[in-house]
């Protein structure tokens, strides 16, 4: 191997090792807004502090819904979907803790909910309240007929 090539290869290896070391040194810890009455943590420095919160999959959203139920905010059934009930419960939670504005359902919110020291329901109570309370019949055709009837009544009764 020629001398200039060895130097270039050494520099590339050193750069890769430095990149790997810095990537390994990054933590997945995110800056979490403090709860009322808690001091704000010192802001993190480096690349990890500029990363956006991670989006949540089905199981993460179910966990957010369970946490909301445990803290007394009803998102509806814990179905792993961010529907209107979940968004309303998230906003009510945020406002009750002094927050303002729209709050995304992401890893930052989940961490905040998990760290909330407010009164909580028991795991059994959460499981019972997380179940769907649907009065819809098990037969899908009967459910469609009920919805059709409901829509007709609304149409003929003005609303």
C-alpha atoms as a PDB file:
ATOM      1  CA  UNK A   1       0.000   0.000   0.000  1.00  0.00           C
ATOM      2  CA  UNK A   2       1.391   3.413  -0.920  1.00  0.00           C
ATOM      3  CA  UNK A   3       2.116   6.010   1.741  1.00  0.00           C
ATOM      4  CA  UNK A   4      -0.592   8.595   0.727  1.00  0.00           C
ATOM      5  CA  UNK A   5      -3.196   5.835   0.550  1.00  0.00           C
ATOM      6  CA  UNK A   6      -2.303   4.651   4.088  1.00  0.00           C
ATOM      7  CA  UNK A   7      -2.729   8.189   5.401  1.00  0.00           C
ATOM      8  CA  UNK A   8      -6.092   8.587   3.684  1.00  0.00           C
ATOM      9  CA  UNK A   9      -7.284   5.177   4.916  1.00  0.00           C
ATOM     10  CA  UNK A  10      -6.140   6.019   8.451  1.00  0.00           C
ATOM     11  CA  UNK A  11      -8.011   9.334   8.360  1.00  0.00           C
ATOM     12  CA  UNK A  12     -11.193   7.638   7.097  1.00  0.00           C
ATOM     13  CA  UNK A  13     -10.948   4.998   9.833  1.00  0.00           C
ATOM     14  CA  UNK A  14     -10.396   7.662  12.498  1.00  0.00           C
ATOM     15  CA  UNK A  15     -13.400   9.627  11.258  1.00  0.00           C
ATOM     16  CA  UNK A  16     -15.588   6.509  11.305  1.00  0.00           C
ATOM     17  CA  UNK A  17     -14.437   5.584  14.802  1.00  0.00           C
ATOM     18  CA  UNK A  18     -15.127   9.126  16.004  1.00  0.00           C
ATOM     19  CA  UNK A  19     -18.596   9.068  14.411  1.00  0.00           C
ATOM     20  CA  UNK A  20     -19.382   5.693  15.975  1.00  0.00           C
ATOM     21  CA  UNK A  21     -18.191   6.884  19.376  1.00  0.00           C
ATOM     22  CA  UNK A  22     -20.331  10.022  19.221  1.00  0.00           C
ATOM     23  CA  UNK A  23     -23.367   8.049  18.042  1.00  0.00           C
ATOM     24  CA  UNK A  24     -22.885   5.587  20.885  1.00  0.00           C
ATOM     25  CA  UNK A  25     -22.508   8.409  23.390  1.00  0.00           C
ATOM     26  CA  UNK A  26     -25.858   9.914  22.459  1.00  0.00           C
ATOM     27  CA  UNK A  27     -28.658   8.974  24.760  1.00  0.00           C
ATOM     28  CA  UNK A  28     -32.267   8.478  23.932  1.00  0.00           C
ATOM     29  CA  UNK A  29     -33.200  10.769  26.817  1.00  0.00           C
ATOM     30  CA  UNK A  30     -35.313  13.672  25.722  1.00  0.00           C
ATOM     31  CA  UNK A  31     -36.030  16.967  27.330  1.00  0.00           C
ATOM     32  CA  UNK A  32     -39.320  16.504  29.131  1.00  0.00           C
ATOM     33  CA  UNK A  33     -41.311  19.542  30.182  1.00  0.00           C
ATOM     34  CA  UNK A  34     -41.323  19.760  33.980  1.00  0.00           C
ATOM     35  CA  UNK A  35     -44.482  19.171  35.922  1.00  0.00           C
ATOM     36  CA  UNK A  36     -45.847  22.114  37.899  1.00  0.00           C
ATOM     37  CA  UNK A  37     -43.830  22.600  41.058  1.00  0.00           C
ATOM     38  CA  UNK A  38     -40.732  20.909  39.657  1.00  0.00           C
ATOM     39  CA  UNK A  39     -37.586  22.719  38.633  1.00  0.00           C
ATOM     40  CA  UNK A  40     -36.720  22.555  34.973  1.00  0.00           C
ATOM     41  CA  UNK A  41     -33.818  20.276  34.179  1.00  0.00           C
ATOM     42  CA  UNK A  42     -30.729  21.782  32.652  1.00  0.00           C
ATOM     43  CA  UNK A  43     -31.052  21.642  28.883  1.00  0.00           C
ATOM     44  CA  UNK A  44     -29.174  18.812  27.272  1.00  0.00           C
ATOM     45  CA  UNK A  45     -26.420  19.699  24.869  1.00  0.00           C
ATOM     46  CA  UNK A  46     -25.303  17.962  21.754  1.00  0.00           C
ATOM     47  CA  UNK A  47     -27.107  16.239  18.912  1.00  0.00           C
ATOM     48  CA  UNK A  48     -29.516  14.247  21.136  1.00  0.00           C
ATOM     49  CA  UNK A  49     -31.155  17.441  22.415  1.00  0.00           C
ATOM     50  CA  UNK A  50     -32.055  18.550  18.904  1.00  0.00           C
ATOM     51  CA  UNK A  51     -33.720  15.303  17.906  1.00  0.00           C
ATOM     52  CA  UNK A  52     -37.509  15.429  17.658  1.00  0.00           C
ATOM     53  CA  UNK A  53     -39.615  13.197  19.888  1.00  0.00           C
ATOM     54  CA  UNK A  54     -40.213   9.734  18.521  1.00  0.00           C
ATOM     55  CA  UNK A  55     -43.606   8.909  17.026  1.00  0.00           C
ATOM     56  CA  UNK A  56     -45.546   6.204  18.801  1.00  0.00           C
ATOM     57  CA  UNK A  57     -46.787   2.966  17.330  1.00  0.00           C
ATOM     58  CA  UNK A  58     -49.952   1.131  18.319  1.00  0.00           C
ATOM     59  CA  UNK A  59     -48.578  -0.125  21.648  1.00  0.00           C
ATOM     60  CA  UNK A  60     -47.199   3.299  22.589  1.00  0.00           C
ATOM     61  CA  UNK A  61     -50.558   4.934  21.889  1.00  0.00           C
ATOM     62  CA  UNK A  62     -52.316   2.260  23.984  1.00  0.00           C
ATOM     63  CA  UNK A  63     -49.881   3.089  26.803  1.00  0.00           C
ATOM     64  CA  UNK A  64     -50.671   6.818  26.462  1.00  0.00           C
ATOM     65  CA  UNK A  65     -54.368   5.963  26.647  1.00  0.00           C
ATOM     66  CA  UNK A  66     -53.814   3.795  29.744  1.00  0.00           C
ATOM     67  CA  UNK A  67     -51.807   6.553  31.414  1.00  0.00           C
ATOM     68  CA  UNK A  68     -54.539   9.087  30.663  1.00  0.00           C
ATOM     69  CA  UNK A  69     -57.186   6.767  32.119  1.00  0.00           C
ATOM     70  CA  UNK A  70     -55.040   6.157  35.201  1.00  0.00           C
ATOM     71  CA  UNK A  71     -54.742   9.906  35.748  1.00  0.00           C
ATOM     72  CA  UNK A  72     -58.502  10.441  35.376  1.00  0.00           C
ATOM     73  CA  UNK A  73     -58.730  11.623  31.756  1.00  0.00           C
ATOM     74  CA  UNK A  74     -61.059   9.552  29.584  1.00  0.00           C
ATOM     75  CA  UNK A  75     -59.711   9.009  26.054  1.00  0.00           C
ATOM     76  CA  UNK A  76     -62.355   6.384  25.318  1.00  0.00           C
ATOM     77  CA  UNK A  77     -61.315   2.783  24.747  1.00  0.00           C
ATOM     78  CA  UNK A  78     -57.589   2.059  24.642  1.00  0.00           C
ATOM     79  CA  UNK A  79     -57.543   1.016  21.009  1.00  0.00           C
ATOM     80  CA  UNK A  80     -54.124   2.288  19.914  1.00  0.00           C
ATOM     81  CA  UNK A  81     -55.660   4.938  17.651  1.00  0.00           C
ATOM     82  CA  UNK A  82     -55.283   8.684  18.166  1.00  0.00           C
ATOM     83  CA  UNK A  83     -58.906   9.622  17.637  1.00  0.00           C
ATOM     84  CA  UNK A  84     -60.881  12.647  18.810  1.00  0.00           C
ATOM     85  CA  UNK A  85     -61.427  11.192  22.292  1.00  0.00           C
ATOM     86  CA  UNK A  86     -57.717  10.645  22.829  1.00  0.00           C
ATOM     87  CA  UNK A  87     -56.831  14.111  21.530  1.00  0.00           C
ATOM     88  CA  UNK A  88     -59.445  15.720  23.788  1.00  0.00           C
ATOM     89  CA  UNK A  89     -58.144  13.794  26.818  1.00  0.00           C
ATOM     90  CA  UNK A  90     -54.554  14.812  25.982  1.00  0.00           C
ATOM     91  CA  UNK A  91     -55.559  18.482  25.736  1.00  0.00           C
ATOM     92  CA  UNK A  92     -57.507  18.326  29.017  1.00  0.00           C
ATOM     93  CA  UNK A  93     -54.517  16.663  30.695  1.00  0.00           C
ATOM     94  CA  UNK A  94     -52.137  19.281  29.337  1.00  0.00           C
ATOM     95  CA  UNK A  95     -54.360  22.188  30.379  1.00  0.00           C
ATOM     96  CA  UNK A  96     -54.826  20.694  33.861  1.00  0.00           C
ATOM     97  CA  UNK A  97     -51.054  20.697  34.246  1.00  0.00           C
ATOM     98  CA  UNK A  98     -50.683  24.325  33.168  1.00  0.00           C
ATOM     99  CA  UNK A  99     -49.921  23.696  29.517  1.00  0.00           C
ATOM    100  CA  UNK A 100     -51.326  25.600  26.578  1.00  0.00           C
ATOM    101  CA  UNK A 101     -51.673  24.799  22.916  1.00  0.00           C
ATOM    102  CA  UNK A 102     -51.892  21.584  20.981  1.00  0.00           C
ATOM    103  CA  UNK A 103     -49.910  18.623  22.320  1.00  0.00           C
ATOM    104  CA  UNK A 104     -48.758  15.876  19.957  1.00  0.00           C
ATOM    105  CA  UNK A 105     -49.149  12.250  21.012  1.00  0.00           C
ATOM    106  CA  UNK A 106     -45.504  11.208  20.928  1.00  0.00           C
ATOM    107  CA  UNK A 107     -42.717   9.794  23.101  1.00  0.00           C
ATOM    108  CA  UNK A 108     -42.333  13.082  24.976  1.00  0.00           C
ATOM    109  CA  UNK A 109     -45.995  13.026  26.061  1.00  0.00           C
ATOM    110  CA  UNK A 110     -45.747   9.369  27.074  1.00  0.00           C
ATOM    111  CA  UNK A 111     -42.696  10.070  29.247  1.00  0.00           C
ATOM    112  CA  UNK A 112     -44.464  13.043  30.818  1.00  0.00           C
ATOM    113  CA  UNK A 113     -47.556  10.937  31.593  1.00  0.00           C
ATOM    114  CA  UNK A 114     -45.436   8.147  33.071  1.00  0.00           C
ATOM    115  CA  UNK A 115     -43.622  10.595  35.335  1.00  0.00           C
ATOM    116  CA  UNK A 116     -46.769  12.389  36.496  1.00  0.00           C
ATOM    117  CA  UNK A 117     -47.125  11.945  40.247  1.00  0.00           C
ATOM    118  CA  UNK A 118     -50.841  12.773  40.334  1.00  0.00           C
ATOM    119  CA  UNK A 119     -53.371  10.383  41.878  1.00  0.00           C
ATOM    120  CA  UNK A 120     -53.862   7.255  39.800  1.00  0.00           C
ATOM    121  CA  UNK A 121     -56.414   4.532  39.372  1.00  0.00           C
ATOM    122  CA  UNK A 122     -55.354   0.956  40.030  1.00  0.00           C
ATOM    123  CA  UNK A 123     -54.276  -1.271  37.154  1.00  0.00           C
ATOM    124  CA  UNK A 124     -57.553  -3.193  37.474  1.00  0.00           C
ATOM    125  CA  UNK A 125     -59.596   0.013  37.244  1.00  0.00           C
ATOM    126  CA  UNK A 126     -57.591   1.150  34.214  1.00  0.00           C
ATOM    127  CA  UNK A 127     -58.103  -2.213  32.476  1.00  0.00           C
ATOM    128  CA  UNK A 128     -61.862  -2.064  33.091  1.00  0.00           C
ATOM    129  CA  UNK A 129     -62.148   1.502  31.787  1.00  0.00           C
ATOM    130  CA  UNK A 130     -59.901   0.841  28.780  1.00  0.00           C
ATOM    131  CA  UNK A 131     -62.363  -1.662  27.313  1.00  0.00           C
ATOM    132  CA  UNK A 132     -64.717  -0.474  24.589  1.00  0.00           C
ATOM    133  CA  UNK A 133     -68.183   0.276  25.882  1.00  0.00           C
ATOM    134  CA  UNK A 134     -69.895  -0.253  22.601  1.00  0.00           C
ATOM    135  CA  UNK A 135     -73.573  -0.962  22.476  1.00  0.00           C
ATOM    136  CA  UNK A 136     -73.103  -1.943  18.868  1.00  0.00           C
ATOM    137  CA  UNK A 137     -74.349  -5.420  18.115  1.00  0.00           C
ATOM    138  CA  UNK A 138     -71.891  -8.170  17.271  1.00  0.00           C
ATOM    139  CA  UNK A 139     -73.539  -8.557  13.877  1.00  0.00           C
ATOM    140  CA  UNK A 140     -71.994  -6.001  11.474  1.00  0.00           C
ATOM    141  CA  UNK A 141     -75.141  -5.890   9.321  1.00  0.00           C
ATOM    142  CA  UNK A 142     -77.279  -5.045  12.340  1.00  0.00           C
ATOM    143  CA  UNK A 143     -74.800  -2.293  13.223  1.00  0.00           C
ATOM    144  CA  UNK A 144     -75.064  -0.822   9.742  1.00  0.00           C
ATOM    145  CA  UNK A 145     -78.855  -0.943   9.959  1.00  0.00           C
ATOM    146  CA  UNK A 146     -78.763   0.880  13.318  1.00  0.00           C
ATOM    147  CA  UNK A 147     -76.495   3.556  11.835  1.00  0.00           C
ATOM    148  CA  UNK A 148     -78.785   3.889   8.806  1.00  0.00           C
ATOM    149  CA  UNK A 149     -81.817   4.259  11.077  1.00  0.00           C
ATOM    150  CA  UNK A 150     -79.985   6.843  13.170  1.00  0.00           C
ATOM    151  CA  UNK A 151     -79.055   8.830  10.050  1.00  0.00           C
ATOM    152  CA  UNK A 152     -82.646   8.735   8.757  1.00  0.00           C
ATOM    153  CA  UNK A 153     -83.984   9.999  12.081  1.00  0.00           C
ATOM    154  CA  UNK A 154     -81.490  12.843  12.078  1.00  0.00           C
ATOM    155  CA  UNK A 155     -82.384  13.723   8.506  1.00  0.00           C
ATOM    156  CA  UNK A 156     -86.155  13.756   9.094  1.00  0.00           C
ATOM    157  CA  UNK A 157     -86.037  15.324  12.547  1.00  0.00           C
ATOM    158  CA  UNK A 158     -83.825  18.179  11.453  1.00  0.00           C
ATOM    159  CA  UNK A 159     -80.672  17.210  13.001  1.00  0.00           C
END
